[in-house]
Amino acid sequence: MIKFEKFNNQEFEKYLDFMIPNYAKEISSNYTLSLDNAIEESEMMMKGIFSNGLSTEGQFLYNIWDTDMETKIGVLWYSVNTEINRAYLYHIYIEEAYRKKGYGTRVLEELQIRIKELGMNSLALSVFGSNDAALNLYKKLGYTTSSISMHKVI
């Protein structure tokens, strides 16, 4: 069984230390942006989204635990927008050792239950085109493409 446990302030800071450079690498490699510019963009995005830090309304950050093994297996970050009744999945991260074992599916199924209980009627997300594992997972769970962003190096 899985359990979501809210981040504390220390975990939030540690997550930002991980997420900013990690997201910057993805931006850099997918959009041919210099790593320095991508880091700057990533920092600005995170500061904008978390304007009140961990207390920012509508933002939810959780550690994901396997309660049977009493082991942390990943993290989950999503937001809810009550004005349009839509949740947005920013990040699901399953530790390497626990991938391909059904955790991603279970986490997303549990998330769907939670956001429905909050009155949300849809869950949106973005995924880099190079992330085949995530694309396959989302398709398997019934997510459909609502837009495609493309670019060409010239």
N, C-alpha and C. Protein backbone atom coordinates (compact mmCIF):
# COMPACT_ATOMS: atom_id res chain seq x y z
N MET A 1 0.84 -1.18 0.00
CA MET A 1 0.00 0.00 0.00
C MET A 1 0.89 1.25 0.00
N ILE A 2 0.40 2.31 -0.64
CA ILE A 2 1.17 3.54 -0.65
C ILE A 2 0.51 4.59 0.24
N LYS A 3 1.33 5.52 0.69
CA LYS A 3 0.85 6.61 1.54
C LYS A 3 1.55 7.88 1.10
N PHE A 4 0.81 9.00 1.12
CA PHE A 4 1.39 10.31 0.85
C PHE A 4 1.60 11.02 2.17
N GLU A 5 2.80 11.56 2.36
CA GLU A 5 3.14 12.29 3.59
C GLU A 5 3.64 13.68 3.20
N LYS A 6 3.00 14.71 3.75
CA LYS A 6 3.35 16.09 3.41
C LYS A 6 4.81 16.39 3.71
N PHE A 7 5.41 17.21 2.85
CA PHE A 7 6.77 17.69 3.07
C PHE A 7 6.81 18.59 4.29
N ASN A 8 7.95 18.58 4.98
CA ASN A 8 8.22 19.62 5.97
C ASN A 8 9.14 20.64 5.29
N ASN A 9 9.46 21.73 6.00
CA ASN A 9 10.26 22.80 5.39
C ASN A 9 11.64 22.33 4.94
N GLN A 10 12.27 21.48 5.72
CA GLN A 10 13.59 20.97 5.36
C GLN A 10 13.51 20.13 4.08
N GLU A 11 12.49 19.29 3.99
CA GLU A 11 12.32 18.46 2.79
C GLU A 11 12.01 19.34 1.57
N PHE A 12 11.26 20.41 1.79
CA PHE A 12 10.94 21.34 0.71
C PHE A 12 12.22 21.97 0.15
N GLU A 13 13.09 22.45 1.04
CA GLU A 13 14.35 23.06 0.59
C GLU A 13 15.22 22.04 -0.15
N LYS A 14 15.27 20.82 0.37
CA LYS A 14 16.04 19.76 -0.28
C LYS A 14 15.46 19.44 -1.66
N TYR A 15 14.14 19.45 -1.76
CA TYR A 15 13.48 19.19 -3.04
C TYR A 15 13.83 20.27 -4.05
N LEU A 16 13.81 21.53 -3.62
CA LEU A 16 14.17 22.62 -4.53
C LEU A 16 15.61 22.47 -5.00
N ASP A 17 16.50 22.07 -4.09
CA ASP A 17 17.90 21.85 -4.45
C ASP A 17 18.05 20.76 -5.51
N PHE A 18 17.14 19.79 -5.49
CA PHE A 18 17.13 18.73 -6.50
C PHE A 18 16.41 19.19 -7.77
N MET A 19 15.24 19.78 -7.58
CA MET A 19 14.35 20.04 -8.71
C MET A 19 14.86 21.14 -9.64
N ILE A 20 15.41 22.20 -9.10
CA ILE A 20 15.84 23.32 -9.95
C ILE A 20 16.89 22.87 -10.97
N PRO A 21 17.99 22.24 -10.56
CA PRO A 21 18.97 21.80 -11.58
C PRO A 21 18.45 20.65 -12.45
N ASN A 22 17.63 19.77 -11.88
CA ASN A 22 17.08 18.66 -12.65
C ASN A 22 16.18 19.17 -13.77
N TYR A 23 15.28 20.08 -13.43
CA TYR A 23 14.39 20.65 -14.44
C TYR A 23 15.18 21.47 -15.45
N ALA A 24 16.20 22.18 -14.97
CA ALA A 24 17.04 22.98 -15.87
C ALA A 24 17.72 22.09 -16.91
N LYS A 25 18.19 20.92 -16.50
CA LYS A 25 18.82 19.99 -17.45
C LYS A 25 17.83 19.56 -18.53
N GLU A 26 16.59 19.30 -18.10
CA GLU A 26 15.55 18.91 -19.07
C GLU A 26 15.25 20.06 -20.03
N ILE A 27 15.12 21.27 -19.49
CA ILE A 27 14.87 22.44 -20.34
C ILE A 27 16.02 22.61 -21.33
N SER A 28 17.23 22.53 -20.81
CA SER A 28 18.42 22.73 -21.64
C SER A 28 18.49 21.72 -22.78
N SER A 29 18.27 20.46 -22.46
CA SER A 29 18.41 19.42 -23.49
C SER A 29 17.23 19.39 -24.45
N ASN A 30 16.04 19.75 -23.99
CA ASN A 30 14.86 19.69 -24.85
C ASN A 30 14.61 20.95 -25.65
N TYR A 31 15.15 22.07 -25.18
CA TYR A 31 14.89 23.34 -25.86
C TYR A 31 16.16 24.06 -26.30
N THR A 32 17.26 23.34 -26.36
CA THR A 32 18.56 23.88 -26.77
C THR A 32 18.84 25.24 -26.15
N LEU A 33 18.64 25.31 -24.86
CA LEU A 33 18.93 26.50 -24.07
C LEU A 33 20.21 26.23 -23.30
N SER A 34 21.04 27.25 -23.09
CA SER A 34 22.25 27.03 -22.31
C SER A 34 21.85 26.60 -20.90
N LEU A 35 22.69 25.81 -20.26
CA LEU A 35 22.38 25.34 -18.91
C LEU A 35 22.24 26.51 -17.94
N ASP A 36 23.07 27.53 -18.07
CA ASP A 36 22.96 28.70 -17.19
C ASP A 36 21.60 29.38 -17.35
N ASN A 37 21.17 29.57 -18.58
CA ASN A 37 19.85 30.19 -18.82
C ASN A 37 18.72 29.29 -18.33
N ALA A 38 18.89 27.99 -18.51
CA ALA A 38 17.87 27.05 -18.06
C ALA A 38 17.76 27.04 -16.54
N ILE A 39 18.89 27.13 -15.84
CA ILE A 39 18.87 27.19 -14.38
C ILE A 39 18.16 28.46 -13.93
N GLU A 40 18.46 29.57 -14.57
CA GLU A 40 17.80 30.83 -14.24
C GLU A 40 16.29 30.73 -14.45
N GLU A 41 15.89 30.15 -15.57
CA GLU A 41 14.46 29.98 -15.86
C GLU A 41 13.80 29.05 -14.84
N SER A 42 14.48 27.97 -14.50
CA SER A 42 13.96 27.02 -13.53
C SER A 42 13.79 27.67 -12.15
N GLU A 43 14.78 28.45 -11.72
CA GLU A 43 14.69 29.15 -10.44
C GLU A 43 13.53 30.13 -10.42
N MET A 44 13.37 30.90 -11.50
CA MET A 44 12.27 31.87 -11.57
C MET A 44 10.92 31.16 -11.53
N MET A 45 10.81 30.05 -12.23
CA MET A 45 9.56 29.30 -12.24
C MET A 45 9.21 28.81 -10.84
N MET A 46 10.19 28.20 -10.17
CA MET A 46 9.93 27.66 -8.84
C MET A 46 9.58 28.76 -7.84
N LYS A 47 10.29 29.88 -7.91
CA LYS A 47 9.98 31.00 -7.01
C LYS A 47 8.60 31.56 -7.29
N GLY A 48 8.21 31.59 -8.55
CA GLY A 48 6.88 32.08 -8.91
C GLY A 48 5.78 31.15 -8.44
N ILE A 49 5.97 29.88 -8.64
CA ILE A 49 4.95 28.91 -8.23
C ILE A 49 4.84 28.84 -6.72
N PHE A 50 5.99 28.80 -6.04
CA PHE A 50 5.99 28.70 -4.58
C PHE A 50 6.24 30.07 -3.96
N SER A 51 5.39 31.04 -4.29
CA SER A 51 5.57 32.41 -3.81
C SER A 51 5.54 32.51 -2.29
N ASN A 52 4.85 31.61 -1.63
CA ASN A 52 4.82 31.56 -0.16
C ASN A 52 5.47 30.29 0.36
N GLY A 53 6.46 29.81 -0.36
CA GLY A 53 7.16 28.60 0.06
C GLY A 53 6.22 27.42 0.13
N LEU A 54 6.44 26.59 1.09
CA LEU A 54 5.65 25.38 1.27
C LEU A 54 4.20 25.69 1.61
N SER A 55 3.93 26.91 2.08
CA SER A 55 2.57 27.32 2.45
C SER A 55 1.77 27.87 1.28
N THR A 56 2.32 27.85 0.09
CA THR A 56 1.63 28.41 -1.08
C THR A 56 0.32 27.65 -1.30
N GLU A 57 -0.76 28.42 -1.34
CA GLU A 57 -2.09 27.84 -1.50
C GLU A 57 -2.21 27.10 -2.83
N GLY A 58 -2.79 25.92 -2.78
CA GLY A 58 -3.05 25.14 -3.99
C GLY A 58 -1.92 24.25 -4.44
N GLN A 59 -0.76 24.33 -3.78
CA GLN A 59 0.39 23.50 -4.13
C GLN A 59 0.54 22.38 -3.09
N PHE A 60 0.76 21.17 -3.56
CA PHE A 60 0.85 20.01 -2.67
C PHE A 60 2.11 19.21 -2.99
N LEU A 61 2.94 19.03 -1.99
CA LEU A 61 4.18 18.26 -2.12
C LEU A 61 4.17 17.13 -1.09
N TYR A 62 4.39 15.92 -1.58
CA TYR A 62 4.34 14.75 -0.70
C TYR A 62 5.52 13.82 -0.95
N ASN A 63 5.95 13.18 0.12
CA ASN A 63 6.80 12.00 0.00
C ASN A 63 5.85 10.84 -0.25
N ILE A 64 6.27 9.91 -1.06
CA ILE A 64 5.48 8.71 -1.34
C ILE A 64 6.13 7.55 -0.59
N TRP A 65 5.34 6.87 0.21
CA TRP A 65 5.84 5.75 1.01
C TRP A 65 5.15 4.46 0.62
N ASP A 66 5.91 3.39 0.61
CA ASP A 66 5.36 2.04 0.56
C ASP A 66 5.21 1.63 2.01
N THR A 67 3.98 1.53 2.48
CA THR A 67 3.75 1.26 3.90
C THR A 67 4.08 -0.18 4.28
N ASP A 68 4.01 -1.09 3.32
CA ASP A 68 4.36 -2.48 3.62
C ASP A 68 5.85 -2.61 3.92
N MET A 69 6.68 -1.88 3.15
CA MET A 69 8.13 -1.94 3.34
C MET A 69 8.64 -0.84 4.27
N GLU A 70 7.74 0.10 4.63
CA GLU A 70 8.12 1.26 5.44
C GLU A 70 9.30 2.00 4.79
N THR A 71 9.17 2.23 3.47
CA THR A 71 10.24 2.82 2.68
C THR A 71 9.70 3.97 1.85
N LYS A 72 10.46 5.06 1.83
CA LYS A 72 10.12 6.17 0.94
C LYS A 72 10.54 5.77 -0.47
N ILE A 73 9.59 5.87 -1.40
CA ILE A 73 9.87 5.43 -2.77
C ILE A 73 9.87 6.57 -3.78
N GLY A 74 9.48 7.77 -3.36
CA GLY A 74 9.45 8.86 -4.32
C GLY A 74 8.81 10.12 -3.77
N VAL A 75 8.52 11.04 -4.69
CA VAL A 75 7.86 12.30 -4.34
C VAL A 75 6.77 12.62 -5.36
N LEU A 76 5.82 13.43 -4.92
CA LEU A 76 4.70 13.85 -5.76
C LEU A 76 4.44 15.32 -5.53
N TRP A 77 4.26 16.06 -6.63
CA TRP A 77 3.92 17.48 -6.55
C TRP A 77 2.79 17.76 -7.52
N TYR A 78 1.71 18.30 -6.99
CA TYR A 78 0.59 18.69 -7.84
C TYR A 78 -0.06 19.95 -7.28
N SER A 79 -0.90 20.55 -8.10
CA SER A 79 -1.64 21.73 -7.67
C SER A 79 -3.11 21.53 -8.00
N VAL A 80 -3.96 22.32 -7.34
CA VAL A 80 -5.38 22.32 -7.67
C VAL A 80 -5.81 23.75 -7.95
N ASN A 81 -6.67 23.89 -8.93
CA ASN A 81 -7.24 25.18 -9.28
C ASN A 81 -8.75 25.05 -9.13
N THR A 82 -9.28 25.57 -8.03
CA THR A 82 -10.70 25.41 -7.74
C THR A 82 -11.58 26.26 -8.66
N GLU A 83 -11.02 27.27 -9.30
CA GLU A 83 -11.81 28.11 -10.22
C GLU A 83 -12.22 27.34 -11.47
N ILE A 84 -11.36 26.44 -11.92
CA ILE A 84 -11.68 25.67 -13.12
C ILE A 84 -11.79 24.17 -12.83
N ASN A 85 -11.73 23.82 -11.55
CA ASN A 85 -11.86 22.42 -11.12
C ASN A 85 -10.89 21.48 -11.83
N ARG A 86 -9.64 21.95 -11.93
CA ARG A 86 -8.61 21.15 -12.57
C ARG A 86 -7.38 21.06 -11.68
N ALA A 87 -6.83 19.87 -11.62
CA ALA A 87 -5.55 19.68 -10.93
C ALA A 87 -4.46 19.58 -11.99
N TYR A 88 -3.24 19.88 -11.56
CA TYR A 88 -2.11 19.80 -12.48
C TYR A 88 -1.00 19.02 -11.80
N LEU A 89 -0.54 17.98 -12.46
CA LEU A 89 0.57 17.17 -11.97
C LEU A 89 1.87 17.79 -12.44
N TYR A 90 2.62 18.35 -11.51
CA TYR A 90 3.91 18.94 -11.85
C TYR A 90 5.02 17.90 -11.90
N HIS A 91 5.00 16.99 -10.94
CA HIS A 91 6.14 16.08 -10.85
C HIS A 91 5.77 14.83 -10.08
N ILE A 92 6.04 13.71 -10.67
CA ILE A 92 6.01 12.44 -9.95
C ILE A 92 7.39 11.84 -10.15
N TYR A 93 8.01 11.48 -9.06
CA TYR A 93 9.36 10.91 -9.13
C TYR A 93 9.38 9.64 -8.30
N ILE A 94 9.65 8.54 -8.95
CA ILE A 94 9.81 7.26 -8.27
C ILE A 94 11.30 6.93 -8.29
N GLU A 95 11.85 6.63 -7.12
CA GLU A 95 13.27 6.29 -7.03
C GLU A 95 13.59 5.14 -8.00
N GLU A 96 14.77 5.20 -8.56
CA GLU A 96 15.21 4.24 -9.58
C GLU A 96 14.95 2.78 -9.18
N ALA A 97 15.26 2.43 -7.94
CA ALA A 97 15.13 1.04 -7.48
C ALA A 97 13.68 0.55 -7.46
N TYR A 98 12.72 1.48 -7.51
CA TYR A 98 11.30 1.10 -7.39
C TYR A 98 10.52 1.29 -8.68
N ARG A 99 11.21 1.64 -9.75
CA ARG A 99 10.54 1.83 -11.04
C ARG A 99 10.19 0.48 -11.67
N LYS A 100 9.19 0.53 -12.53
CA LYS A 100 8.72 -0.66 -13.25
C LYS A 100 8.14 -1.72 -12.31
N LYS A 101 7.60 -1.25 -11.17
CA LYS A 101 7.01 -2.17 -10.20
C LYS A 101 5.56 -1.79 -9.89
N GLY A 102 5.00 -0.89 -10.70
CA GLY A 102 3.60 -0.52 -10.52
C GLY A 102 3.35 0.67 -9.61
N TYR A 103 4.41 1.24 -9.04
CA TYR A 103 4.21 2.37 -8.13
C TYR A 103 3.65 3.61 -8.83
N GLY A 104 4.15 3.90 -10.02
CA GLY A 104 3.65 5.06 -10.75
C GLY A 104 2.15 4.96 -10.99
N THR A 105 1.71 3.80 -11.39
CA THR A 105 0.28 3.56 -11.61
C THR A 105 -0.50 3.76 -10.32
N ARG A 106 -0.03 3.16 -9.23
CA ARG A 106 -0.74 3.28 -7.96
C ARG A 106 -0.78 4.71 -7.46
N VAL A 107 0.32 5.44 -7.62
CA VAL A 107 0.36 6.84 -7.18
C VAL A 107 -0.65 7.66 -7.97
N LEU A 108 -0.66 7.50 -9.28
CA LEU A 108 -1.59 8.28 -10.10
C LEU A 108 -3.05 7.91 -9.82
N GLU A 109 -3.32 6.65 -9.59
CA GLU A 109 -4.69 6.24 -9.25
C GLU A 109 -5.12 6.85 -7.92
N GLU A 110 -4.23 6.84 -6.94
CA GLU A 110 -4.54 7.46 -5.64
C GLU A 110 -4.71 8.97 -5.79
N LEU A 111 -3.87 9.59 -6.59
CA LEU A 111 -3.98 11.03 -6.82
C LEU A 111 -5.33 11.36 -7.45
N GLN A 112 -5.75 10.58 -8.43
CA GLN A 112 -7.04 10.82 -9.08
C GLN A 112 -8.19 10.75 -8.08
N ILE A 113 -8.13 9.82 -7.16
CA ILE A 113 -9.16 9.71 -6.12
C ILE A 113 -9.15 10.96 -5.25
N ARG A 114 -7.97 11.38 -4.82
CA ARG A 114 -7.86 12.56 -3.95
C ARG A 114 -8.37 13.83 -4.60
N ILE A 115 -7.97 14.05 -5.85
CA ILE A 115 -8.39 15.31 -6.47
C ILE A 115 -9.88 15.29 -6.80
N LYS A 116 -10.42 14.13 -7.08
CA LYS A 116 -11.87 14.04 -7.30
C LYS A 116 -12.61 14.39 -6.02
N GLU A 117 -12.09 13.92 -4.88
CA GLU A 117 -12.69 14.26 -3.59
C GLU A 117 -12.63 15.76 -3.30
N LEU A 118 -11.65 16.45 -3.91
CA LEU A 118 -11.52 17.90 -3.76
C LEU A 118 -12.40 18.66 -4.76
N GLY A 119 -13.15 17.94 -5.58
CA GLY A 119 -14.04 18.57 -6.54
C GLY A 119 -13.44 18.83 -7.91
N MET A 120 -12.25 18.31 -8.14
CA MET A 120 -11.62 18.49 -9.45
C MET A 120 -12.24 17.50 -10.44
N ASN A 121 -12.38 17.95 -11.70
CA ASN A 121 -12.94 17.05 -12.71
C ASN A 121 -11.93 16.63 -13.78
N SER A 122 -10.69 17.13 -13.65
CA SER A 122 -9.65 16.68 -14.59
C SER A 122 -8.27 16.88 -13.97
N LEU A 123 -7.34 16.14 -14.53
CA LEU A 123 -5.94 16.22 -14.12
C LEU A 123 -5.11 16.42 -15.38
N ALA A 124 -4.39 17.53 -15.43
CA ALA A 124 -3.54 17.85 -16.57
C ALA A 124 -2.09 17.64 -16.18
N LEU A 125 -1.24 17.49 -17.18
CA LEU A 125 0.19 17.36 -16.94
C LEU A 125 0.93 17.66 -18.23
N SER A 126 2.20 17.89 -18.11
CA SER A 126 3.08 18.03 -19.27
C SER A 126 4.19 17.00 -19.13
N VAL A 127 4.66 16.53 -20.26
CA VAL A 127 5.74 15.55 -20.24
C VAL A 127 6.67 15.84 -21.41
N PHE A 128 7.96 15.76 -21.14
CA PHE A 128 8.93 15.96 -22.22
C PHE A 128 8.81 14.80 -23.21
N GLY A 129 8.89 15.12 -24.49
CA GLY A 129 8.76 14.10 -25.53
C GLY A 129 9.80 13.01 -25.45
N SER A 130 10.91 13.29 -24.79
CA SER A 130 11.98 12.30 -24.66
C SER A 130 11.75 11.32 -23.51
N ASN A 131 10.70 11.53 -22.72
CA ASN A 131 10.44 10.69 -21.55
C ASN A 131 9.45 9.58 -21.92
N ASP A 132 9.96 8.58 -22.62
CA ASP A 132 9.10 7.50 -23.11
C ASP A 132 8.40 6.74 -22.00
N ALA A 133 9.09 6.49 -20.89
CA ALA A 133 8.48 5.74 -19.79
C ALA A 133 7.25 6.46 -19.26
N ALA A 134 7.37 7.76 -19.05
CA ALA A 134 6.23 8.54 -18.54
C ALA A 134 5.11 8.59 -19.58
N LEU A 135 5.46 8.83 -20.83
CA LEU A 135 4.44 8.86 -21.89
C LEU A 135 3.65 7.56 -21.93
N ASN A 136 4.35 6.45 -21.86
CA ASN A 136 3.67 5.15 -21.88
C ASN A 136 2.78 4.96 -20.67
N LEU A 137 3.25 5.36 -19.50
CA LEU A 137 2.44 5.24 -18.29
C LEU A 137 1.16 6.06 -18.41
N TYR A 138 1.29 7.31 -18.82
CA TYR A 138 0.11 8.17 -18.92
C TYR A 138 -0.88 7.64 -19.95
N LYS A 139 -0.39 7.18 -21.08
CA LYS A 139 -1.28 6.62 -22.10
C LYS A 139 -1.99 5.38 -21.57
N LYS A 140 -1.25 4.53 -20.87
CA LYS A 140 -1.83 3.31 -20.30
C LYS A 140 -2.98 3.64 -19.33
N LEU A 141 -2.85 4.77 -18.64
CA LEU A 141 -3.86 5.17 -17.66
C LEU A 141 -4.98 6.03 -18.26
N GLY A 142 -4.98 6.19 -19.58
CA GLY A 142 -6.08 6.87 -20.23
C GLY A 142 -5.90 8.35 -20.49
N TYR A 143 -4.71 8.87 -20.25
CA TYR A 143 -4.46 10.29 -20.55
C TYR A 143 -4.36 10.45 -22.05
N THR A 144 -4.89 11.56 -22.55
CA THR A 144 -4.85 11.83 -23.98
C THR A 144 -4.09 13.13 -24.23
N THR A 145 -3.58 13.27 -25.42
CA THR A 145 -2.83 14.47 -25.80
C THR A 145 -3.81 15.61 -26.02
N SER A 146 -3.55 16.73 -25.35
CA SER A 146 -4.40 17.91 -25.54
C SER A 146 -3.68 19.00 -26.32
N SER A 147 -2.37 18.97 -26.33
CA SER A 147 -1.59 19.89 -27.17
C SER A 147 -0.20 19.30 -27.35
N ILE A 148 0.46 19.74 -28.39
CA ILE A 148 1.82 19.30 -28.65
C ILE A 148 2.67 20.54 -28.91
N SER A 149 3.77 20.63 -28.22
CA SER A 149 4.72 21.72 -28.44
C SER A 149 5.90 21.15 -29.20
N MET A 150 6.27 21.80 -30.28
CA MET A 150 7.36 21.29 -31.10
C MET A 150 8.39 22.39 -31.32
N HIS A 151 9.61 21.99 -31.62
CA HIS A 151 10.64 22.96 -31.97
C HIS A 151 11.63 22.33 -32.94
N LYS A 152 12.37 23.20 -33.60
CA LYS A 152 13.37 22.74 -34.55
C LYS A 152 14.60 23.63 -34.38
N VAL A 153 15.75 23.01 -34.28
CA VAL A 153 17.00 23.75 -34.20
C VAL A 153 17.35 24.22 -35.60
N ILE A 154 17.61 25.51 -35.75
CA ILE A 154 17.96 26.05 -37.08
C ILE A 154 19.27 26.81 -37.02
